[in-house]
Amino acid sequence: MSSAVRCFALACWTLIIPFAHAQVHSPAIRGTLSDMGKPIVDAEVYLQSLEDEHCAKLFAGKIDLKKQQELRQCTHDLGSINSDEQGNYEFAETKAGWYVVHFLWSIADKPRQPTSFKNGDWLVQYAGWKDSTGKYDTMAQDHPFYYSGKEDTARNFENKH
C-alpha cells in the first residue's frame, strides 16, 4: 500500500493507494520428474556447467582416455537440490551457458529394460541388484543444452519403462 496526501482549498485528506507487489520471475533451469505417471519425489538433482560448446560435444560423444581428461577439466559441478512432492526442481540465478542435468532416485520394481537404456533425450541406468532398502538405485542423465539465461529452460523426465 502507498499513501498520498491531497489538499484542496482548506480540506486535506489521505488517499490510500493500493498497488500489487509484482513478483519478479527470474529465468531458471527447471523441470518435472516422473516415473510411470507418478512424481519422482526427493530425487537428488545435479547441475553441471560445461565451459563451452566444444565441452558439450565432448560430453555427448564417445570418450577415450585423452578426451576423458579434457572433459574432466571443462566440466564443473554446481551442486544439487531435491525434487519436491510434485517431482519439480529448479536451479535459479543461473547464468547463460552450457549445462547438463542428472538425477538419482530409487525404484521399487526392476525395470524390464536392460540396465542402461535411452528414454527420450535421457540416458537411464540402474543397478542390477537391490540396495539395502530393497530398491534399485537409478540414475538419469540429460544431454548437454545451452541455457540463454533470459528465459526458462525446461528439462523434464518421464520414465515410461
N, C-alpha and C. Protein backbone atom coordinates (compact mmCIF):
# COMPACT_ATOMS: atom_id res chain seq x y z
N MET A 1 0.85 -1.17 0.00
CA MET A 1 0.00 0.00 0.00
C MET A 1 0.89 1.23 0.00
N SER A 2 0.39 2.26 -0.60
CA SER A 2 1.07 3.53 -0.64
C SER A 2 0.06 4.60 -0.26
N SER A 3 0.52 5.71 0.29
CA SER A 3 -0.43 6.76 0.64
C SER A 3 0.07 8.08 0.07
N ALA A 4 -0.88 8.97 -0.17
CA ALA A 4 -0.55 10.30 -0.67
C ALA A 4 -1.51 11.28 -0.01
N VAL A 5 -1.00 12.44 0.35
CA VAL A 5 -1.83 13.47 0.96
C VAL A 5 -2.27 14.42 -0.13
N ARG A 6 -3.56 14.69 -0.19
CA ARG A 6 -4.14 15.61 -1.17
C ARG A 6 -4.83 16.75 -0.42
N CYS A 7 -4.60 17.97 -0.87
CA CYS A 7 -5.25 19.13 -0.25
C CYS A 7 -5.89 19.99 -1.33
N PHE A 8 -7.11 20.39 -1.09
CA PHE A 8 -7.84 21.31 -1.95
C PHE A 8 -8.50 22.34 -1.05
N ALA A 9 -8.34 23.58 -1.36
CA ALA A 9 -8.88 24.69 -0.55
C ALA A 9 -8.43 24.51 0.89
N LEU A 10 -9.34 24.35 1.84
CA LEU A 10 -8.98 24.24 3.24
C LEU A 10 -9.05 22.80 3.74
N ALA A 11 -9.36 21.87 2.91
CA ALA A 11 -9.51 20.49 3.35
C ALA A 11 -8.36 19.63 2.82
N CYS A 12 -7.85 18.78 3.67
CA CYS A 12 -6.81 17.82 3.28
C CYS A 12 -7.28 16.42 3.66
N TRP A 13 -6.91 15.43 2.91
CA TRP A 13 -7.21 14.05 3.25
C TRP A 13 -6.10 13.16 2.70
N THR A 14 -6.01 11.97 3.25
CA THR A 14 -5.01 11.00 2.83
C THR A 14 -5.67 9.95 1.97
N LEU A 15 -5.13 9.75 0.81
CA LEU A 15 -5.61 8.69 -0.09
C LEU A 15 -4.75 7.45 0.12
N ILE A 16 -5.38 6.33 0.29
CA ILE A 16 -4.67 5.06 0.36
C ILE A 16 -4.70 4.47 -1.05
N ILE A 17 -3.54 4.26 -1.60
CA ILE A 17 -3.44 3.77 -2.98
C ILE A 17 -2.84 2.37 -2.95
N PRO A 18 -3.67 1.35 -3.19
CA PRO A 18 -3.12 0.00 -3.21
C PRO A 18 -2.35 -0.25 -4.50
N PHE A 19 -1.30 -1.03 -4.40
CA PHE A 19 -0.60 -1.48 -5.60
C PHE A 19 -0.11 -2.89 -5.37
N ALA A 20 -0.08 -3.61 -6.45
CA ALA A 20 0.32 -5.02 -6.37
C ALA A 20 1.84 -5.11 -6.35
N HIS A 21 2.33 -5.91 -5.47
CA HIS A 21 3.75 -6.21 -5.47
C HIS A 21 3.96 -7.32 -6.49
N ALA A 22 4.39 -6.93 -7.66
CA ALA A 22 4.59 -7.92 -8.72
C ALA A 22 5.80 -8.78 -8.36
N GLN A 23 5.60 -10.07 -8.44
CA GLN A 23 6.72 -10.96 -8.19
C GLN A 23 7.55 -11.04 -9.47
N VAL A 24 8.80 -10.75 -9.33
CA VAL A 24 9.68 -10.82 -10.48
C VAL A 24 10.13 -12.27 -10.61
N HIS A 25 9.88 -12.81 -11.77
CA HIS A 25 10.23 -14.21 -12.03
C HIS A 25 11.58 -14.25 -12.73
N SER A 26 12.57 -14.81 -12.07
CA SER A 26 13.89 -14.94 -12.68
C SER A 26 13.90 -16.19 -13.55
N PRO A 27 14.52 -16.09 -14.71
CA PRO A 27 14.64 -17.29 -15.54
C PRO A 27 15.41 -18.37 -14.78
N ALA A 28 15.09 -19.61 -15.07
CA ALA A 28 15.71 -20.72 -14.34
C ALA A 28 15.77 -21.96 -15.23
N ILE A 29 16.60 -22.89 -14.80
CA ILE A 29 16.61 -24.23 -15.36
C ILE A 29 15.73 -25.04 -14.42
N ARG A 30 14.63 -25.54 -14.94
CA ARG A 30 13.67 -26.24 -14.09
C ARG A 30 13.11 -27.44 -14.82
N GLY A 31 12.42 -28.29 -14.09
CA GLY A 31 11.82 -29.44 -14.72
C GLY A 31 10.95 -30.22 -13.77
N THR A 32 10.29 -31.22 -14.33
CA THR A 32 9.44 -32.13 -13.57
C THR A 32 9.90 -33.54 -13.87
N LEU A 33 10.03 -34.34 -12.83
CA LEU A 33 10.50 -35.72 -12.95
C LEU A 33 9.35 -36.66 -12.59
N SER A 34 9.09 -37.64 -13.45
CA SER A 34 8.04 -38.61 -13.11
C SER A 34 8.43 -40.00 -13.58
N ASP A 35 7.89 -40.98 -12.88
CA ASP A 35 8.18 -42.39 -13.15
C ASP A 35 6.85 -43.12 -13.20
N MET A 36 6.51 -43.64 -14.37
CA MET A 36 5.26 -44.37 -14.57
C MET A 36 4.05 -43.51 -14.16
N GLY A 37 4.10 -42.22 -14.50
CA GLY A 37 2.99 -41.31 -14.24
C GLY A 37 2.95 -40.73 -12.84
N LYS A 38 3.88 -41.11 -11.98
CA LYS A 38 3.91 -40.59 -10.61
C LYS A 38 5.14 -39.71 -10.43
N PRO A 39 5.01 -38.62 -9.65
CA PRO A 39 6.16 -37.74 -9.43
C PRO A 39 7.31 -38.48 -8.76
N ILE A 40 8.51 -38.17 -9.18
CA ILE A 40 9.69 -38.69 -8.50
C ILE A 40 10.00 -37.69 -7.39
N VAL A 41 9.68 -38.08 -6.18
CA VAL A 41 9.81 -37.22 -5.01
C VAL A 41 11.19 -37.41 -4.38
N ASP A 42 11.78 -36.32 -4.00
CA ASP A 42 13.04 -36.33 -3.25
C ASP A 42 14.21 -36.93 -4.04
N ALA A 43 14.16 -36.82 -5.38
CA ALA A 43 15.31 -37.24 -6.18
C ALA A 43 16.42 -36.21 -5.97
N GLU A 44 17.65 -36.65 -5.98
CA GLU A 44 18.77 -35.73 -5.88
C GLU A 44 19.14 -35.31 -7.30
N VAL A 45 18.92 -34.02 -7.60
CA VAL A 45 19.11 -33.48 -8.95
C VAL A 45 20.40 -32.65 -8.97
N TYR A 46 21.28 -32.94 -9.91
CA TYR A 46 22.57 -32.27 -10.03
C TYR A 46 22.61 -31.42 -11.28
N LEU A 47 23.29 -30.29 -11.20
CA LEU A 47 23.51 -29.43 -12.35
C LEU A 47 25.02 -29.29 -12.54
N GLN A 48 25.46 -29.51 -13.78
CA GLN A 48 26.87 -29.33 -14.13
C GLN A 48 26.96 -28.29 -15.23
N SER A 49 27.95 -27.42 -15.14
CA SER A 49 28.20 -26.47 -16.22
C SER A 49 29.32 -27.01 -17.09
N LEU A 50 29.22 -26.70 -18.36
CA LEU A 50 30.23 -27.09 -19.33
C LEU A 50 30.81 -25.79 -19.87
N GLU A 51 32.13 -25.70 -19.97
CA GLU A 51 32.77 -24.43 -20.29
C GLU A 51 32.35 -23.83 -21.62
N ASP A 52 32.07 -24.66 -22.62
CA ASP A 52 31.73 -24.13 -23.94
C ASP A 52 31.09 -25.23 -24.79
N GLU A 53 30.78 -24.89 -26.03
CA GLU A 53 30.14 -25.85 -26.93
C GLU A 53 31.05 -27.04 -27.21
N HIS A 54 32.35 -26.81 -27.31
CA HIS A 54 33.30 -27.90 -27.53
C HIS A 54 33.20 -28.92 -26.39
N CYS A 55 33.13 -28.42 -25.16
CA CYS A 55 32.99 -29.30 -24.00
C CYS A 55 31.67 -30.06 -24.05
N ALA A 56 30.60 -29.38 -24.48
CA ALA A 56 29.29 -30.04 -24.60
C ALA A 56 29.35 -31.17 -25.62
N LYS A 57 30.06 -30.96 -26.73
CA LYS A 57 30.21 -32.01 -27.74
C LYS A 57 31.04 -33.17 -27.21
N LEU A 58 32.07 -32.86 -26.44
CA LEU A 58 32.86 -33.91 -25.81
C LEU A 58 31.97 -34.75 -24.89
N PHE A 59 31.16 -34.07 -24.10
CA PHE A 59 30.29 -34.73 -23.13
C PHE A 59 29.33 -35.68 -23.84
N ALA A 60 28.80 -35.26 -24.99
CA ALA A 60 27.79 -36.04 -25.71
C ALA A 60 28.40 -37.13 -26.60
N GLY A 61 29.71 -37.06 -26.85
CA GLY A 61 30.33 -38.01 -27.78
C GLY A 61 30.96 -39.21 -27.09
N LYS A 62 31.58 -40.02 -27.89
CA LYS A 62 32.31 -41.18 -27.37
C LYS A 62 33.61 -40.68 -26.76
N ILE A 63 33.94 -41.23 -25.61
CA ILE A 63 35.07 -40.73 -24.83
C ILE A 63 36.20 -41.76 -24.80
N ASP A 64 37.40 -41.31 -25.21
CA ASP A 64 38.59 -42.11 -24.98
C ASP A 64 39.32 -41.52 -23.78
N LEU A 65 40.43 -42.08 -23.40
CA LEU A 65 41.14 -41.64 -22.20
C LEU A 65 41.57 -40.17 -22.29
N LYS A 66 42.07 -39.74 -23.44
CA LYS A 66 42.52 -38.35 -23.63
C LYS A 66 41.32 -37.40 -23.51
N LYS A 67 40.23 -37.73 -24.18
CA LYS A 67 39.04 -36.88 -24.13
C LYS A 67 38.43 -36.87 -22.73
N GLN A 68 38.56 -37.97 -22.01
CA GLN A 68 38.04 -38.05 -20.65
C GLN A 68 38.74 -37.04 -19.75
N GLN A 69 40.05 -36.91 -19.88
CA GLN A 69 40.80 -35.94 -19.10
C GLN A 69 40.39 -34.51 -19.47
N GLU A 70 40.25 -34.26 -20.76
CA GLU A 70 39.83 -32.93 -21.23
C GLU A 70 38.43 -32.60 -20.71
N LEU A 71 37.55 -33.58 -20.75
CA LEU A 71 36.18 -33.38 -20.26
C LEU A 71 36.17 -33.07 -18.77
N ARG A 72 36.98 -33.77 -18.01
CA ARG A 72 37.06 -33.53 -16.57
C ARG A 72 37.45 -32.08 -16.26
N GLN A 73 38.30 -31.51 -17.10
CA GLN A 73 38.78 -30.15 -16.89
C GLN A 73 37.76 -29.08 -17.30
N CYS A 74 36.84 -29.42 -18.18
CA CYS A 74 35.89 -28.40 -18.67
C CYS A 74 34.48 -28.59 -18.10
N THR A 75 34.30 -29.53 -17.18
CA THR A 75 33.00 -29.79 -16.55
C THR A 75 33.08 -29.39 -15.08
N HIS A 76 32.05 -28.67 -14.61
CA HIS A 76 32.07 -28.17 -13.24
C HIS A 76 30.75 -28.48 -12.53
N ASP A 77 30.84 -29.13 -11.38
CA ASP A 77 29.65 -29.42 -10.58
C ASP A 77 29.18 -28.14 -9.91
N LEU A 78 27.88 -27.85 -10.02
CA LEU A 78 27.32 -26.64 -9.43
C LEU A 78 26.45 -26.93 -8.21
N GLY A 79 26.37 -28.18 -7.82
CA GLY A 79 25.59 -28.53 -6.65
C GLY A 79 24.36 -29.33 -7.00
N SER A 80 23.60 -29.62 -5.96
CA SER A 80 22.40 -30.43 -6.15
C SER A 80 21.25 -29.88 -5.31
N ILE A 81 20.05 -30.27 -5.70
CA ILE A 81 18.82 -29.96 -4.97
C ILE A 81 17.97 -31.21 -5.00
N ASN A 82 16.89 -31.22 -4.25
CA ASN A 82 15.98 -32.36 -4.26
C ASN A 82 14.65 -31.96 -4.90
N SER A 83 14.06 -32.88 -5.64
CA SER A 83 12.76 -32.62 -6.24
C SER A 83 11.70 -32.57 -5.13
N ASP A 84 10.64 -31.80 -5.38
CA ASP A 84 9.59 -31.62 -4.36
C ASP A 84 8.51 -32.71 -4.48
N GLU A 85 7.41 -32.52 -3.78
CA GLU A 85 6.32 -33.52 -3.73
C GLU A 85 5.65 -33.74 -5.09
N GLN A 86 5.80 -32.78 -6.01
CA GLN A 86 5.23 -32.93 -7.36
C GLN A 86 6.30 -33.35 -8.37
N GLY A 87 7.52 -33.61 -7.89
CA GLY A 87 8.61 -34.00 -8.78
C GLY A 87 9.29 -32.82 -9.44
N ASN A 88 9.01 -31.59 -8.99
CA ASN A 88 9.60 -30.39 -9.58
C ASN A 88 10.96 -30.07 -8.97
N TYR A 89 11.81 -29.49 -9.78
CA TYR A 89 13.10 -28.97 -9.31
C TYR A 89 13.38 -27.67 -10.04
N GLU A 90 14.27 -26.85 -9.48
CA GLU A 90 14.61 -25.58 -10.10
C GLU A 90 15.99 -25.12 -9.68
N PHE A 91 16.79 -24.72 -10.68
CA PHE A 91 18.07 -24.07 -10.44
C PHE A 91 17.90 -22.63 -10.91
N ALA A 92 17.78 -21.71 -9.96
CA ALA A 92 17.57 -20.29 -10.28
C ALA A 92 18.91 -19.55 -10.27
N GLU A 93 18.86 -18.34 -10.77
CA GLU A 93 20.03 -17.46 -10.80
C GLU A 93 21.22 -18.14 -11.46
N THR A 94 20.96 -18.77 -12.57
CA THR A 94 21.99 -19.46 -13.33
C THR A 94 22.31 -18.63 -14.56
N LYS A 95 23.57 -18.40 -14.80
CA LYS A 95 23.97 -17.56 -15.93
C LYS A 95 23.93 -18.35 -17.24
N ALA A 96 23.95 -17.63 -18.35
CA ALA A 96 23.91 -18.25 -19.67
C ALA A 96 25.12 -19.17 -19.85
N GLY A 97 24.89 -20.28 -20.55
CA GLY A 97 25.98 -21.20 -20.83
C GLY A 97 25.48 -22.61 -21.11
N TRP A 98 26.41 -23.52 -21.22
CA TRP A 98 26.13 -24.93 -21.49
C TRP A 98 26.00 -25.69 -20.18
N TYR A 99 24.98 -26.57 -20.11
CA TYR A 99 24.71 -27.31 -18.87
C TYR A 99 24.28 -28.73 -19.19
N VAL A 100 24.29 -29.54 -18.13
CA VAL A 100 23.73 -30.89 -18.18
C VAL A 100 23.10 -31.16 -16.81
N VAL A 101 21.96 -31.85 -16.82
CA VAL A 101 21.25 -32.22 -15.59
C VAL A 101 21.28 -33.73 -15.47
N HIS A 102 21.50 -34.22 -14.27
CA HIS A 102 21.30 -35.65 -14.00
C HIS A 102 20.75 -35.78 -12.59
N PHE A 103 20.09 -36.91 -12.35
CA PHE A 103 19.49 -37.10 -11.03
C PHE A 103 19.50 -38.56 -10.64
N LEU A 104 19.39 -38.77 -9.33
CA LEU A 104 19.40 -40.11 -8.74
C LEU A 104 18.09 -40.33 -8.00
N TRP A 105 17.55 -41.54 -8.12
CA TRP A 105 16.36 -41.92 -7.36
C TRP A 105 16.32 -43.43 -7.23
N SER A 106 15.44 -43.92 -6.40
CA SER A 106 15.31 -45.37 -6.19
C SER A 106 13.96 -45.84 -6.72
N ILE A 107 13.96 -47.01 -7.33
CA ILE A 107 12.72 -47.59 -7.82
C ILE A 107 12.48 -48.94 -7.15
N ALA A 108 11.21 -49.26 -6.95
CA ALA A 108 10.86 -50.50 -6.25
C ALA A 108 10.95 -51.73 -7.15
N ASP A 109 10.47 -51.59 -8.38
CA ASP A 109 10.42 -52.74 -9.29
C ASP A 109 11.55 -52.70 -10.29
N LYS A 110 12.12 -53.85 -10.55
CA LYS A 110 13.19 -53.95 -11.53
C LYS A 110 12.64 -53.63 -12.92
N PRO A 111 13.25 -52.68 -13.63
CA PRO A 111 12.76 -52.36 -14.98
C PRO A 111 12.89 -53.56 -15.92
N ARG A 112 12.02 -53.60 -16.90
CA ARG A 112 12.09 -54.66 -17.90
C ARG A 112 13.18 -54.38 -18.92
N GLN A 113 13.70 -53.15 -18.91
CA GLN A 113 14.76 -52.74 -19.84
C GLN A 113 16.10 -53.26 -19.36
N PRO A 114 17.12 -53.22 -20.24
CA PRO A 114 18.48 -53.53 -19.78
C PRO A 114 18.92 -52.52 -18.71
N THR A 115 20.04 -52.75 -18.07
CA THR A 115 20.49 -51.86 -17.00
C THR A 115 20.85 -50.46 -17.51
N SER A 116 20.95 -50.28 -18.80
CA SER A 116 21.21 -48.97 -19.40
C SER A 116 20.36 -48.84 -20.65
N PHE A 117 19.57 -47.77 -20.74
CA PHE A 117 18.72 -47.58 -21.92
C PHE A 117 18.41 -46.10 -22.11
N LYS A 118 18.03 -45.74 -23.33
CA LYS A 118 17.65 -44.37 -23.66
C LYS A 118 16.17 -44.20 -23.38
N ASN A 119 15.83 -43.03 -22.87
CA ASN A 119 14.44 -42.65 -22.63
C ASN A 119 14.30 -41.20 -23.12
N GLY A 120 13.94 -41.03 -24.39
CA GLY A 120 13.94 -39.70 -24.99
C GLY A 120 15.36 -39.19 -25.07
N ASP A 121 15.60 -37.98 -24.55
CA ASP A 121 16.94 -37.41 -24.54
C ASP A 121 17.77 -37.85 -23.35
N TRP A 122 17.21 -38.66 -22.50
CA TRP A 122 17.87 -39.06 -21.26
C TRP A 122 18.46 -40.46 -21.39
N LEU A 123 19.61 -40.66 -20.77
CA LEU A 123 20.21 -41.99 -20.62
C LEU A 123 19.88 -42.44 -19.20
N VAL A 124 19.27 -43.60 -19.06
CA VAL A 124 18.87 -44.13 -17.76
C VAL A 124 19.72 -45.35 -17.46
N GLN A 125 20.23 -45.42 -16.23
CA GLN A 125 20.99 -46.57 -15.79
C GLN A 125 20.53 -46.94 -14.39
N TYR A 126 20.43 -48.22 -14.14
CA TYR A 126 20.08 -48.65 -12.79
C TYR A 126 20.94 -49.84 -12.41
N ALA A 127 21.15 -49.96 -11.11
CA ALA A 127 21.92 -51.09 -10.60
C ALA A 127 21.12 -52.36 -10.83
N GLY A 128 21.76 -53.42 -11.21
CA GLY A 128 21.08 -54.69 -11.48
C GLY A 128 20.74 -55.45 -10.21
N TRP A 129 20.92 -54.86 -9.07
CA TRP A 129 20.64 -55.51 -7.78
C TRP A 129 19.98 -54.49 -6.86
N LYS A 130 19.32 -55.00 -5.83
CA LYS A 130 18.65 -54.13 -4.87
C LYS A 130 19.66 -53.60 -3.86
N ASP A 131 19.42 -52.38 -3.39
CA ASP A 131 20.28 -51.82 -2.35
C ASP A 131 19.78 -52.26 -0.97
N SER A 132 20.34 -51.71 0.08
CA SER A 132 19.98 -52.13 1.45
C SER A 132 18.54 -51.80 1.82
N THR A 133 17.89 -50.91 1.05
CA THR A 133 16.48 -50.59 1.33
C THR A 133 15.53 -51.47 0.53
N GLY A 134 16.09 -52.35 -0.31
CA GLY A 134 15.26 -53.23 -1.13
C GLY A 134 14.82 -52.60 -2.44
N LYS A 135 15.46 -51.50 -2.83
CA LYS A 135 15.11 -50.82 -4.08
C LYS A 135 16.31 -50.80 -5.02
N TYR A 136 16.05 -50.43 -6.25
CA TYR A 136 17.08 -50.32 -7.27
C TYR A 136 17.52 -48.87 -7.39
N ASP A 137 18.81 -48.60 -7.18
CA ASP A 137 19.35 -47.27 -7.35
C ASP A 137 19.38 -46.96 -8.85
N THR A 138 18.91 -45.78 -9.20
CA THR A 138 18.75 -45.42 -10.60
C THR A 138 19.29 -44.02 -10.86
N MET A 139 19.85 -43.80 -12.05
CA MET A 139 20.37 -42.51 -12.45
C MET A 139 19.88 -42.20 -13.85
N ALA A 140 19.50 -40.95 -14.07
CA ALA A 140 19.13 -40.50 -15.42
C ALA A 140 19.95 -39.26 -15.73
N GLN A 141 20.47 -39.21 -16.94
CA GLN A 141 21.30 -38.07 -17.34
C GLN A 141 20.79 -37.51 -18.66
N ASP A 142 20.58 -36.21 -18.67
CA ASP A 142 20.13 -35.48 -19.86
C ASP A 142 21.32 -35.24 -20.78
N HIS A 143 21.05 -34.83 -22.01
CA HIS A 143 22.14 -34.46 -22.90
C HIS A 143 22.46 -32.97 -22.68
N PRO A 144 23.65 -32.51 -23.06
CA PRO A 144 24.01 -31.10 -22.86
C PRO A 144 23.05 -30.17 -23.61
N PHE A 145 22.81 -29.01 -23.01
CA PHE A 145 21.94 -28.00 -23.62
C PHE A 145 22.48 -26.61 -23.31
N TYR A 146 22.11 -25.66 -24.18
CA TYR A 146 22.50 -24.27 -23.97
C TYR A 146 21.36 -23.54 -23.29
N TYR A 147 21.66 -22.84 -22.22
CA TYR A 147 20.69 -22.04 -21.46
C TYR A 147 21.02 -20.57 -21.69
N SER A 148 20.04 -19.81 -22.19
CA SER A 148 20.27 -18.41 -22.54
C SER A 148 20.37 -17.48 -21.34
N GLY A 149 19.80 -17.89 -20.21
CA GLY A 149 19.77 -17.03 -19.04
C GLY A 149 18.69 -15.97 -19.11
N LYS A 150 17.94 -15.94 -20.24
CA LYS A 150 16.90 -14.92 -20.44
C LYS A 150 15.49 -15.48 -20.30
N GLU A 151 15.37 -16.78 -20.45
CA GLU A 151 14.06 -17.42 -20.31
C GLU A 151 14.23 -18.81 -19.72
N ASP A 152 13.16 -19.33 -19.15
CA ASP A 152 13.21 -20.66 -18.55
C ASP A 152 13.62 -21.72 -19.57
N THR A 153 14.32 -22.70 -19.07
CA THR A 153 14.62 -23.89 -19.84
C THR A 153 14.06 -25.07 -19.05
N ALA A 154 13.19 -25.84 -19.67
CA ALA A 154 12.58 -27.00 -19.01
C ALA A 154 13.30 -28.27 -19.43
N ARG A 155 13.73 -29.05 -18.44
CA ARG A 155 14.36 -30.35 -18.67
C ARG A 155 13.54 -31.37 -17.90
N ASN A 156 12.47 -31.83 -18.53
CA ASN A 156 11.53 -32.76 -17.90
C ASN A 156 11.93 -34.21 -18.18
N PHE A 157 11.57 -35.08 -17.27
CA PHE A 157 11.84 -36.51 -17.42
C PHE A 157 10.58 -37.28 -17.11
N GLU A 158 10.19 -38.18 -18.02
CA GLU A 158 9.04 -39.07 -17.80
C GLU A 158 9.50 -40.48 -18.13
N ASN A 159 9.65 -41.30 -17.09
CA ASN A 159 10.05 -42.70 -17.30
C ASN A 159 8.78 -43.51 -17.53
N LYS A 160 8.70 -44.14 -18.68
CA LYS A 160 7.51 -44.95 -19.03
C LYS A 160 7.86 -46.42 -19.10
N HIS A 161 9.08 -46.80 -18.72
CA HIS A 161 9.53 -48.19 -18.85
C HIS A 161 9.33 -48.95 -17.56
